[in-house]
C-alpha atoms as a PDB file:
ATOM      1  CA  UNK A   1      87.806 100.104 115.841  1.00  0.00           C
ATOM      2  CA  UNK A   2      89.089  98.262 118.818  1.00  0.00           C
ATOM      3  CA  UNK A   3      90.608  95.038 118.442  1.00  0.00           C
ATOM      4  CA  UNK A   4      89.758  93.635 122.074  1.00  0.00           C
ATOM      5  CA  UNK A   5      86.123  94.059 122.888  1.00  0.00           C
ATOM      6  CA  UNK A   6      86.674  94.899 126.824  1.00  0.00           C
ATOM      7  CA  UNK A   7      90.262  95.220 128.034  1.00  0.00           C
ATOM      8  CA  UNK A   8      93.674  95.017 126.360  1.00  0.00           C
ATOM      9  CA  UNK A   9      94.525  92.288 128.961  1.00  0.00           C
ATOM     10  CA  UNK A  10      92.180  89.912 127.010  1.00  0.00           C
ATOM     11  CA  UNK A  11      95.438  89.154 124.829  1.00  0.00           C
ATOM     12  CA  UNK A  12      96.921  87.083 127.621  1.00  0.00           C
ATOM     13  CA  UNK A  13      93.843  84.394 127.820  1.00  0.00           C
ATOM     14  CA  UNK A  14      93.370  84.774 124.173  1.00  0.00           C
ATOM     15  CA  UNK A  15      97.149  83.746 123.479  1.00  0.00           C
ATOM     16  CA  UNK A  16      96.967  81.043 126.190  1.00  0.00           C
ATOM     17  CA  UNK A  17      93.928  79.508 124.061  1.00  0.00           C
ATOM     18  CA  UNK A  18      95.927  79.181 120.859  1.00  0.00           C
ATOM     19  CA  UNK A  19      98.914  77.878 122.899  1.00  0.00           C
ATOM     20  CA  UNK A  20      96.804  75.343 124.356  1.00  0.00           C
ATOM     21  CA  UNK A  21      96.013  74.054 120.839  1.00  0.00           C
ATOM     22  CA  UNK A  22      99.633  74.460 120.019  1.00  0.00           C
ATOM     23  CA  UNK A  23     100.351  72.108 122.937  1.00  0.00           C
ATOM     24  CA  UNK A  24      98.041  69.482 121.874  1.00  0.00           C
ATOM     25  CA  UNK A  25      99.902  69.307 118.651  1.00  0.00           C
ATOM     26  CA  UNK A  26     103.208  69.256 120.068  1.00  0.00           C
ATOM     27  CA  UNK A  27     102.075  66.218 122.376  1.00  0.00           C
ATOM     28  CA  UNK A  28     101.029  64.492 119.166  1.00  0.00           C
ATOM     29  CA  UNK A  29     104.421  65.481 117.418  1.00  0.00           C
ATOM     30  CA  UNK A  30     106.916  64.201 120.204  1.00  0.00           C
ATOM     31  CA  UNK A  31     104.892  61.072 121.034  1.00  0.00           C
ATOM     32  CA  UNK A  32     106.705  58.643 118.711  1.00  0.00           C
ATOM     33  CA  UNK A  33     109.936  59.526 120.038  1.00  0.00           C
ATOM     34  CA  UNK A  34     109.413  60.601 123.696  1.00  0.00           C
ATOM     35  CA  UNK A  35     109.957  58.268 126.650  1.00  0.00           C
ATOM     36  CA  UNK A  36     106.915  56.714 128.405  1.00  0.00           C
ATOM     37  CA  UNK A  37     107.709  59.225 131.612  1.00  0.00           C
ATOM     38  CA  UNK A  38     107.429  62.220 129.353  1.00  0.00           C
ATOM     39  CA  UNK A  39     104.394  61.018 127.655  1.00  0.00           C
ATOM     40  CA  UNK A  40     102.721  60.523 131.148  1.00  0.00           C
ATOM     41  CA  UNK A  41     104.065  64.004 132.255  1.00  0.00           C
ATOM     42  CA  UNK A  42     102.718  65.667 129.130  1.00  0.00           C
ATOM     43  CA  UNK A  43      99.429  63.818 129.593  1.00  0.00           C
ATOM     44  CA  UNK A  44      99.050  64.921 133.154  1.00  0.00           C
ATOM     45  CA  UNK A  45      99.852  68.377 132.061  1.00  0.00           C
ATOM     46  CA  UNK A  46      97.052  68.340 129.353  1.00  0.00           C
ATOM     47  CA  UNK A  47      94.419  66.975 131.974  1.00  0.00           C
ATOM     48  CA  UNK A  48      95.307  69.994 134.224  1.00  0.00           C
ATOM     49  CA  UNK A  49      95.393  72.317 131.446  1.00  0.00           C
ATOM     50  CA  UNK A  50      91.561  71.303 130.343  1.00  0.00           C
ATOM     51  CA  UNK A  51      90.447  72.465 133.887  1.00  0.00           C
ATOM     52  CA  UNK A  52      92.671  75.586 133.680  1.00  0.00           C
ATOM     53  CA  UNK A  53      91.162  76.410 129.975  1.00  0.00           C
ATOM     54  CA  UNK A  54      87.501  75.655 130.909  1.00  0.00           C
ATOM     55  CA  UNK A  55      87.503  77.512 134.129  1.00  0.00           C
ATOM     56  CA  UNK A  56      89.783  80.261 133.030  1.00  0.00           C
ATOM     57  CA  UNK A  57      89.970  81.168 129.384  1.00  0.00           C
ATOM     58  CA  UNK A  58      87.002  79.380 128.108  1.00  0.00           C
ATOM     59  CA  UNK A  59      84.858  80.620 131.079  1.00  0.00           C
ATOM     60  CA  UNK A  60      85.800  84.354 130.633  1.00  0.00           C
ATOM     61  CA  UNK A  61      85.539  84.251 126.882  1.00  0.00           C
ATOM     62  CA  UNK A  62      81.663  83.045 127.193  1.00  0.00           C
ATOM     63  CA  UNK A  63      80.792  85.816 129.429  1.00  0.00           C
ATOM     64  CA  UNK A  64      82.817  88.764 127.753  1.00  0.00           C
ATOM     65  CA  UNK A  65      83.945  87.550 124.267  1.00  0.00           C
ATOM     66  CA  UNK A  66      87.518  88.696 123.810  1.00  0.00           C
ATOM     67  CA  UNK A  67      87.484  90.299 120.300  1.00  0.00           C
ATOM     68  CA  UNK A  68      85.320  93.185 118.723  1.00  0.00           C
ATOM     69  CA  UNK A  69      85.226  91.433 115.492  1.00  0.00           C
ATOM     70  CA  UNK A  70      82.460  88.735 115.690  1.00  0.00           C
ATOM     71  CA  UNK A  71      84.067  86.340 113.157  1.00  0.00           C
ATOM     72  CA  UNK A  72      87.411  86.347 115.186  1.00  0.00           C
ATOM     73  CA  UNK A  73      85.466  85.316 118.216  1.00  0.00           C
ATOM     74  CA  UNK A  74      83.889  82.419 116.086  1.00  0.00           C
ATOM     75  CA  UNK A  75      87.513  81.398 115.187  1.00  0.00           C
ATOM     76  CA  UNK A  76      88.592  81.301 118.701  1.00  0.00           C
ATOM     77  CA  UNK A  77      85.535  79.283 119.729  1.00  0.00           C
ATOM     78  CA  UNK A  78      86.727  76.624 117.284  1.00  0.00           C
ATOM     79  CA  UNK A  79      90.302  76.717 118.438  1.00  0.00           C
ATOM     80  CA  UNK A  80      88.768  76.350 122.149  1.00  0.00           C
ATOM     81  CA  UNK A  81      86.680  73.350 120.883  1.00  0.00           C
ATOM     82  CA  UNK A  82      89.647  71.546 119.288  1.00  0.00           C
ATOM     83  CA  UNK A  83      91.730  72.155 122.351  1.00  0.00           C
ATOM     84  CA  UNK A  84      89.226  71.019 125.018  1.00  0.00           C
ATOM     85  CA  UNK A  85      87.200  68.308 122.791  1.00  0.00           C
ATOM     86  CA  UNK A  86      83.727  69.776 123.180  1.00  0.00           C
ATOM     87  CA  UNK A  87      81.947  72.749 121.621  1.00  0.00           C
ATOM     88  CA  UNK A  88      82.510  76.101 123.087  1.00  0.00           C
ATOM     89  CA  UNK A  89      78.981  77.233 121.885  1.00  0.00           C
ATOM     90  CA  UNK A  90      77.232  74.394 123.580  1.00  0.00           C
ATOM     91  CA  UNK A  91      79.166  75.213 126.771  1.00  0.00           C
ATOM     92  CA  UNK A  92      77.977  78.739 126.723  1.00  0.00           C
ATOM     93  CA  UNK A  93      74.409  77.757 126.731  1.00  0.00           C
ATOM     94  CA  UNK A  94      74.893  75.179 129.438  1.00  0.00           C
ATOM     95  CA  UNK A  95      76.792  77.719 131.633  1.00  0.00           C
ATOM     96  CA  UNK A  96      74.147  80.431 131.022  1.00  0.00           C
ATOM     97  CA  UNK A  97      71.632  77.820 132.672  1.00  0.00           C
ATOM     98  CA  UNK A  98      74.235  77.572 135.470  1.00  0.00           C
ATOM     99  CA  UNK A  99      73.826  81.166 136.112  1.00  0.00           C
ATOM    100  CA  UNK A 100      69.887  80.997 135.770  1.00  0.00           C
ATOM    101  CA  UNK A 101      69.858  78.277 138.386  1.00  0.00           C
ATOM    102  CA  UNK A 102      73.036  78.957 140.514  1.00  0.00           C
ATOM    103  CA  UNK A 103      73.308  75.173 141.432  1.00  0.00           C
ATOM    104  CA  UNK A 104      69.628  74.878 142.209  1.00  0.00           C
ATOM    105  CA  UNK A 105      67.459  72.152 143.911  1.00  0.00           C
ATOM    106  CA  UNK A 106      65.499  69.689 141.842  1.00  0.00           C
ATOM    107  CA  UNK A 107      61.808  70.700 141.644  1.00  0.00           C
ATOM    108  CA  UNK A 108      58.845  68.258 142.047  1.00  0.00           C
ATOM    109  CA  UNK A 109      59.733  66.546 138.688  1.00  0.00           C
ATOM    110  CA  UNK A 110      63.496  66.088 139.849  1.00  0.00           C
ATOM    111  CA  UNK A 111      64.751  68.706 137.491  1.00  0.00           C
ATOM    112  CA  UNK A 112      66.853  71.578 138.018  1.00  0.00           C
ATOM    113  CA  UNK A 113      67.326  74.797 135.853  1.00  0.00           C
ATOM    114  CA  UNK A 114      71.027  74.429 136.230  1.00  0.00           C
ATOM    115  CA  UNK A 115      72.136  71.286 134.591  1.00  0.00           C
ATOM    116  CA  UNK A 116      75.582  71.672 136.376  1.00  0.00           C
ATOM    117  CA  UNK A 117      73.821  71.782 139.810  1.00  0.00           C
ATOM    118  CA  UNK A 118      75.906  69.898 142.474  1.00  0.00           C
ATOM    119  CA  UNK A 119      72.241  69.196 143.742  1.00  0.00           C
ATOM    120  CA  UNK A 120      70.838  67.759 140.518  1.00  0.00           C
ATOM    121  CA  UNK A 121      71.665  64.096 141.273  1.00  0.00           C
ATOM    122  CA  UNK A 122      71.842  64.460 145.070  1.00  0.00           C
ATOM    123  CA  UNK A 123      69.366  63.107 147.728  1.00  0.00           C
ATOM    124  CA  UNK A 124      67.337  64.338 150.767  1.00  0.00           C
ATOM    125  CA  UNK A 125      68.238  67.934 149.724  1.00  0.00           C
ATOM    126  CA  UNK A 126      72.022  67.452 149.858  1.00  0.00           C
ATOM    127  CA  UNK A 127      74.479  67.937 147.328  1.00  0.00           C
ATOM    128  CA  UNK A 128      75.651  64.776 145.338  1.00  0.00           C
ATOM    129  CA  UNK A 129      78.610  62.962 146.272  1.00  0.00           C
ATOM    130  CA  UNK A 130      81.802  64.482 145.277  1.00  0.00           C
ATOM    131  CA  UNK A 131      83.450  61.366 143.685  1.00  0.00           C
ATOM    132  CA  UNK A 132      80.284  60.597 141.491  1.00  0.00           C
ATOM    133  CA  UNK A 133      79.898  64.306 140.455  1.00  0.00           C
ATOM    134  CA  UNK A 134      83.542  64.290 139.235  1.00  0.00           C
ATOM    135  CA  UNK A 135      83.726  60.885 137.460  1.00  0.00           C
ATOM    136  CA  UNK A 136      79.965  60.859 136.087  1.00  0.00           C
ATOM    137  CA  UNK A 137      79.131  64.214 135.213  1.00  0.00           C
ATOM    138  CA  UNK A 138      81.024  64.280 131.877  1.00  0.00           C
ATOM    139  CA  UNK A 139      79.069  61.222 130.661  1.00  0.00           C
ATOM    140  CA  UNK A 140      75.818  62.766 131.618  1.00  0.00           C
ATOM    141  CA  UNK A 141      75.888  65.559 129.046  1.00  0.00           C
ATOM    142  CA  UNK A 142      72.948  65.593 126.777  1.00  0.00           C
ATOM    143  CA  UNK A 143      74.251  67.087 123.375  1.00  0.00           C
ATOM    144  CA  UNK A 144      70.296  66.580 122.157  1.00  0.00           C
ATOM    145  CA  UNK A 145      68.963  68.613 125.004  1.00  0.00           C
ATOM    146  CA  UNK A 146      71.761  71.236 124.642  1.00  0.00           C
ATOM    147  CA  UNK A 147      71.042  71.504 120.694  1.00  0.00           C
ATOM    148  CA  UNK A 148      67.260  71.836 121.302  1.00  0.00           C
ATOM    149  CA  UNK A 149      67.971  74.605 123.964  1.00  0.00           C
ATOM    150  CA  UNK A 150      70.310  76.528 121.497  1.00  0.00           C
ATOM    151  CA  UNK A 151      68.279  76.193 118.368  1.00  0.00           C
ATOM    152  CA  UNK A 152      65.180  77.510 120.264  1.00  0.00           C
ATOM    153  CA  UNK A 153      67.075  80.583 121.228  1.00  0.00           C
ATOM    154  CA  UNK A 154      69.476  80.846 117.960  1.00  0.00           C
ATOM    155  CA  UNK A 155      69.453  78.603 115.139  1.00  0.00           C
ATOM    156  CA  UNK A 156      72.704  80.246 113.953  1.00  0.00           C
ATOM    157  CA  UNK A 157      74.306  79.467 117.327  1.00  0.00           C
ATOM    158  CA  UNK A 158      72.914  75.822 116.970  1.00  0.00           C
ATOM    159  CA  UNK A 159      74.770  75.575 113.602  1.00  0.00           C
ATOM    160  CA  UNK A 160      77.944  76.887 114.796  1.00  0.00           C
ATOM    161  CA  UNK A 161      77.630  74.610 117.709  1.00  0.00           C
ATOM    162  CA  UNK A 162      77.354  71.409 115.480  1.00  0.00           C
ATOM    163  CA  UNK A 163      80.239  72.723 113.406  1.00  0.00           C
ATOM    164  CA  UNK A 164      82.352  72.881 116.399  1.00  0.00           C
ATOM    165  CA  UNK A 165      81.281  69.385 117.358  1.00  0.00           C
ATOM    166  CA  UNK A 166      82.285  68.050 113.838  1.00  0.00           C
ATOM    167  CA  UNK A 167      85.339  69.907 114.057  1.00  0.00           C
ATOM    168  CA  UNK A 168      86.952  68.492 117.210  1.00  0.00           C
ATOM    169  CA  UNK A 169      85.600  64.738 116.295  1.00  0.00           C
ATOM    170  CA  UNK A 170      87.334  64.995 112.981  1.00  0.00           C
ATOM    171  CA  UNK A 171      90.358  66.358 114.484  1.00  0.00           C
ATOM    172  CA  UNK A 172      90.659  63.557 117.050  1.00  0.00           C
ATOM    173  CA  UNK A 173      89.969  61.080 114.170  1.00  0.00           C
ATOM    174  CA  UNK A 174      92.708  62.431 111.943  1.00  0.00           C
ATOM    175  CA  UNK A 175      95.127  62.162 115.146  1.00  0.00           C
ATOM    176  CA  UNK A 176      93.985  58.493 115.559  1.00  0.00           C
ATOM    177  CA  UNK A 177      94.362  57.713 111.847  1.00  0.00           C
ATOM    178  CA  UNK A 178      97.733  59.152 111.845  1.00  0.00           C
ATOM    179  CA  UNK A 179      98.805  57.418 115.200  1.00  0.00           C
ATOM    180  CA  UNK A 180      96.207  55.145 116.770  1.00  0.00           C
ATOM    181  CA  UNK A 181      98.731  54.473 119.722  1.00  0.00           C
ATOM    182  CA  UNK A 182      98.486  58.406 120.404  1.00  0.00           C
ATOM    183  CA  UNK A 183      94.601  58.366 120.598  1.00  0.00           C
ATOM    184  CA  UNK A 184      94.614  55.585 122.861  1.00  0.00           C
ATOM    185  CA  UNK A 185      96.878  57.153 125.299  1.00  0.00           C
ATOM    186  CA  UNK A 186      95.525  60.663 124.957  1.00  0.00           C
ATOM    187  CA  UNK A 187      91.801  59.997 125.535  1.00  0.00           C
ATOM    188  CA  UNK A 188      92.115  58.833 129.209  1.00  0.00           C
ATOM    189  CA  UNK A 189      94.133  61.970 129.929  1.00  0.00           C
ATOM    190  CA  UNK A 190      91.293  63.970 128.100  1.00  0.00           C
ATOM    191  CA  UNK A 191      88.637  62.306 130.157  1.00  0.00           C
ATOM    192  CA  UNK A 192      90.801  62.981 133.407  1.00  0.00           C
ATOM    193  CA  UNK A 193      91.040  66.514 132.399  1.00  0.00           C
ATOM    194  CA  UNK A 194      87.156  66.904 132.287  1.00  0.00           C
ATOM    195  CA  UNK A 195      86.971  65.131 135.724  1.00  0.00           C
ATOM    196  CA  UNK A 196      89.449  67.777 137.045  1.00  0.00           C
ATOM    197  CA  UNK A 197      87.119  70.571 135.763  1.00  0.00           C
ATOM    198  CA  UNK A 198      84.166  68.930 137.530  1.00  0.00           C
ATOM    199  CA  UNK A 199      86.239  68.747 140.601  1.00  0.00           C
ATOM    200  CA  UNK A 200      86.731  72.493 140.356  1.00  0.00           C
ATOM    201  CA  UNK A 201      83.117  73.182 139.642  1.00  0.00           C
ATOM    202  CA  UNK A 202      81.937  71.207 142.713  1.00  0.00           C
ATOM    203  CA  UNK A 203      83.873  73.296 145.256  1.00  0.00           C
ATOM    204  CA  UNK A 204      82.842  76.425 143.562  1.00  0.00           C
ATOM    205  CA  UNK A 205      79.464  75.743 145.028  1.00  0.00           C
ATOM    206  CA  UNK A 206      79.852  73.156 147.938  1.00  0.00           C
ATOM    207  CA  UNK A 207      79.133  74.997 151.118  1.00  0.00           C
ATOM    208  CA  UNK A 208      77.466  78.168 149.441  1.00  0.00           C
ATOM    209  CA  UNK A 209      74.437  79.514 150.580  1.00  0.00           C
ATOM    210  CA  UNK A 210      71.962  78.968 147.668  1.00  0.00           C
ATOM    211  CA  UNK A 211      69.465  81.243 149.289  1.00  0.00           C
ATOM    212  CA  UNK A 212      71.360  84.574 149.153  1.00  0.00           C
ATOM    213  CA  UNK A 213      72.483  85.764 145.732  1.00  0.00           C
ATOM    214  CA  UNK A 214      75.893  87.409 147.344  1.00  0.00           C
ATOM    215  CA  UNK A 215      76.718  83.973 148.670  1.00  0.00           C
ATOM    216  CA  UNK A 216      75.731  81.800 145.715  1.00  0.00           C
ATOM    217  CA  UNK A 217      79.420  80.735 145.063  1.00  0.00           C
ATOM    218  CA  UNK A 218      82.539  79.869 147.151  1.00  0.00           C
ATOM    219  CA  UNK A 219      85.401  82.082 146.614  1.00  0.00           C
ATOM    220  CA  UNK A 220      89.187  81.493 147.084  1.00  0.00           C
ATOM    221  CA  UNK A 221      91.733  84.477 147.005  1.00  0.00           C
ATOM    222  CA  UNK A 222      94.882  82.218 146.751  1.00  0.00           C
ATOM    223  CA  UNK A 223      96.877  84.534 144.779  1.00  0.00           C
ATOM    224  CA  UNK A 224      98.695  82.109 142.559  1.00  0.00           C
ATOM    225  CA  UNK A 225      95.753  80.380 141.730  1.00  0.00           C
ATOM    226  CA  UNK A 226      93.957  83.541 140.593  1.00  0.00           C
ATOM    227  CA  UNK A 227      97.182  84.618 138.764  1.00  0.00           C
ATOM    228  CA  UNK A 228      97.198  81.412 136.631  1.00  0.00           C
ATOM    229  CA  UNK A 229      93.277  80.856 136.524  1.00  0.00           C
ATOM    230  CA  UNK A 230      92.395  84.418 135.503  1.00  0.00           C
ATOM    231  CA  UNK A 231      90.604  85.245 138.652  1.00  0.00           C
ATOM    232  CA  UNK A 232      88.409  82.227 138.817  1.00  0.00           C
ATOM    233  CA  UNK A 233      88.736  82.068 142.532  1.00  0.00           C
ATOM    234  CA  UNK A 234      86.449  85.052 142.777  1.00  0.00           C
ATOM    235  CA  UNK A 235      83.480  82.837 142.321  1.00  0.00           C
ATOM    236  CA  UNK A 236      80.797  84.303 144.932  1.00  0.00           C
ATOM    237  CA  UNK A 237      81.516  87.703 143.314  1.00  0.00           C
ATOM    238  CA  UNK A 238      81.263  86.220 139.732  1.00  0.00           C
ATOM    239  CA  UNK A 239      77.852  84.829 140.579  1.00  0.00           C
ATOM    240  CA  UNK A 240      76.890  88.149 141.951  1.00  0.00           C
ATOM    241  CA  UNK A 241      77.826  90.082 139.251  1.00  0.00           C
ATOM    242  CA  UNK A 242      78.468  87.476 136.233  1.00  0.00           C
ATOM    243  CA  UNK A 243      79.191  90.428 133.444  1.00  0.00           C
ATOM    244  CA  UNK A 244      82.070  91.823 135.459  1.00  0.00           C
ATOM    245  CA  UNK A 245      85.207  91.488 133.531  1.00  0.00           C
ATOM    246  CA  UNK A 246      87.794  89.107 134.965  1.00  0.00           C
ATOM    247  CA  UNK A 247      90.252  91.843 135.405  1.00  0.00           C
ATOM    248  CA  UNK A 248      87.913  93.698 137.822  1.00  0.00           C
ATOM    249  CA  UNK A 249      87.133  90.907 139.973  1.00  0.00           C
ATOM    250  CA  UNK A 250      89.438  91.948 142.919  1.00  0.00           C
ATOM    251  CA  UNK A 251      87.941  95.453 142.684  1.00  0.00           C
ATOM    252  CA  UNK A 252      84.409  94.055 142.997  1.00  0.00           C
ATOM    253  CA  UNK A 253      85.568  92.086 145.987  1.00  0.00           C
ATOM    254  CA  UNK A 254      86.693  95.098 147.845  1.00  0.00           C
ATOM    255  CA  UNK A 255      83.497  96.791 147.073  1.00  0.00           C
ATOM    256  CA  UNK A 256      81.166  94.213 148.600  1.00  0.00           C
ATOM    257  CA  UNK A 257      83.610  92.493 151.098  1.00  0.00           C
ATOM    258  CA  UNK A 258      81.741  93.908 154.139  1.00  0.00           C
ATOM    259  CA  UNK A 259      78.345  92.935 152.693  1.00  0.00           C
ATOM    260  CA  UNK A 260      79.888  89.549 152.009  1.00  0.00           C
ATOM    261  CA  UNK A 261      80.941  89.094 155.536  1.00  0.00           C
ATOM    262  CA  UNK A 262      77.357  90.064 156.941  1.00  0.00           C
ATOM    263  CA  UNK A 263      75.600  87.580 154.630  1.00  0.00           C
ATOM    264  CA  UNK A 264      78.164  84.619 155.459  1.00  0.00           C
ATOM    265  CA  UNK A 265      79.727  84.336 151.927  1.00  0.00           C
ATOM    266  CA  UNK A 266      81.822  81.146 152.288  1.00  0.00           C
ATOM    267  CA  UNK A 267      85.671  81.682 151.439  1.00  0.00           C
ATOM    268  CA  UNK A 268      88.162  78.888 151.265  1.00  0.00           C
ATOM    269  CA  UNK A 269      92.128  79.138 151.601  1.00  0.00           C
ATOM    270  CA  UNK A 270      93.241  76.647 148.789  1.00  0.00           C
ATOM    271  CA  UNK A 271      92.248  76.766 145.282  1.00  0.00           C
ATOM    272  CA  UNK A 272      88.917  74.995 144.433  1.00  0.00           C
ATOM    273  CA  UNK A 273      90.400  71.926 143.051  1.00  0.00           C
ATOM    274  CA  UNK A 274      92.035  71.381 146.615  1.00  0.00           C
ATOM    275  CA  UNK A 275      89.204  72.551 148.497  1.00  0.00           C
ATOM    276  CA  UNK A 276      88.887  69.029 150.211  1.00  0.00           C
ATOM    277  CA  UNK A 277      92.057  70.238 152.186  1.00  0.00           C
ATOM    278  CA  UNK A 278      90.238  73.500 153.593  1.00  0.00           C
ATOM    279  CA  UNK A 279      90.163  72.978 157.379  1.00  0.00           C
ATOM    280  CA  UNK A 280      86.711  74.603 157.326  1.00  0.00           C
ATOM    281  CA  UNK A 281      85.202  72.494 154.807  1.00  0.00           C
ATOM    282  CA  UNK A 282      81.766  71.513 156.073  1.00  0.00           C
ATOM    283  CA  UNK A 283      80.369  67.751 156.227  1.00  0.00           C
ATOM    284  CA  UNK A 284      77.490  68.480 154.135  1.00  0.00           C
ATOM    285  CA  UNK A 285      76.284  71.013 151.764  1.00  0.00           C
ATOM    286  CA  UNK A 286      73.586  73.623 152.770  1.00  0.00           C
ATOM    287  CA  UNK A 287      70.091  72.244 152.309  1.00  0.00           C
ATOM    288  CA  UNK A 288      68.098  74.194 149.797  1.00  0.00           C
ATOM    289  CA  UNK A 289      64.680  75.340 150.431  1.00  0.00           C
ATOM    290  CA  UNK A 290      62.294  75.315 147.384  1.00  0.00           C
ATOM    291  CA  UNK A 291      60.645  78.608 148.323  1.00  0.00           C
ATOM    292  CA  UNK A 292      63.796  80.746 148.630  1.00  0.00           C
ATOM    293  CA  UNK A 293      65.455  78.726 145.639  1.00  0.00           C
ATOM    294  CA  UNK A 294      62.664  79.822 143.284  1.00  0.00           C
ATOM    295  CA  UNK A 295      62.642  83.366 144.523  1.00  0.00           C
ATOM    296  CA  UNK A 296      66.493  83.335 143.998  1.00  0.00           C
ATOM    297  CA  UNK A 297      66.196  82.130 140.410  1.00  0.00           C
ATOM    298  CA  UNK A 298      63.539  84.669 139.786  1.00  0.00           C
ATOM    299  CA  UNK A 299      65.732  87.506 141.190  1.00  0.00           C
ATOM    300  CA  UNK A 300      68.562  86.116 138.752  1.00  0.00           C
ATOM    301  CA  UNK A 301      66.448  86.185 135.652  1.00  0.00           C
ATOM    302  CA  UNK A 302      65.387  89.552 136.228  1.00  0.00           C
ATOM    303  CA  UNK A 303      68.794  90.984 137.201  1.00  0.00           C
END
């Protein structure tokens, strides 16, 4: 029986997931004795590591669970939930809706299939302002709606999602009881980390063509970024073929590069979190048309 379900290289993001939790515990351990500048540096690193984990380790794990043994995947999901301060199972279902809608436009009722869509709270067919998307999106999460979606599809997953939420809340409470000053300092960096993740997510789709499946996402081929973020930069490729393993994204890109070029798939030079520095950044997002968007969603659901 194989230990890893898809690739032996999954040992790298899996170990990084465990090390991320170890970093949180180390941050807590050194807090009483570390100077203020070291605390700030560790806090900033933790903030960045949240985006790194969500967009790399956690994201790849929900598409292609690392381990062949299901209980070990459950354990890893709890580890991720403790490190990131949200339920990995809840994230899986929210992200699956993201791939159903592909950052779709609100319908006549003002709703989107994709709860993470950059158009969900936009106006006049344009994407939402980047600042409100970054700093408000985390506060918009609706655990009740997410739980309802999960329970409808899998009561067992709904149970595990609640267990993960109870686990990370209990974890944070224990840290706060042991050292209330730490949790007061820690929480702003925690929130900032999730804001950085939404910054990354915004530019994964800003400027994409929502009418063409091969151009649903925006890609960055910056080598250091893709090495550290486990090929998260190949985002147009990922939305075109969501089940392709992270180690094969460069190969997929080579296979469809000419087609991408013909269809106008957007590519930026810097990493997504720094996309605002890209010299070709458009002033506005591409407006969505309800007809083509609905057709795109249907195509995605049938693929």
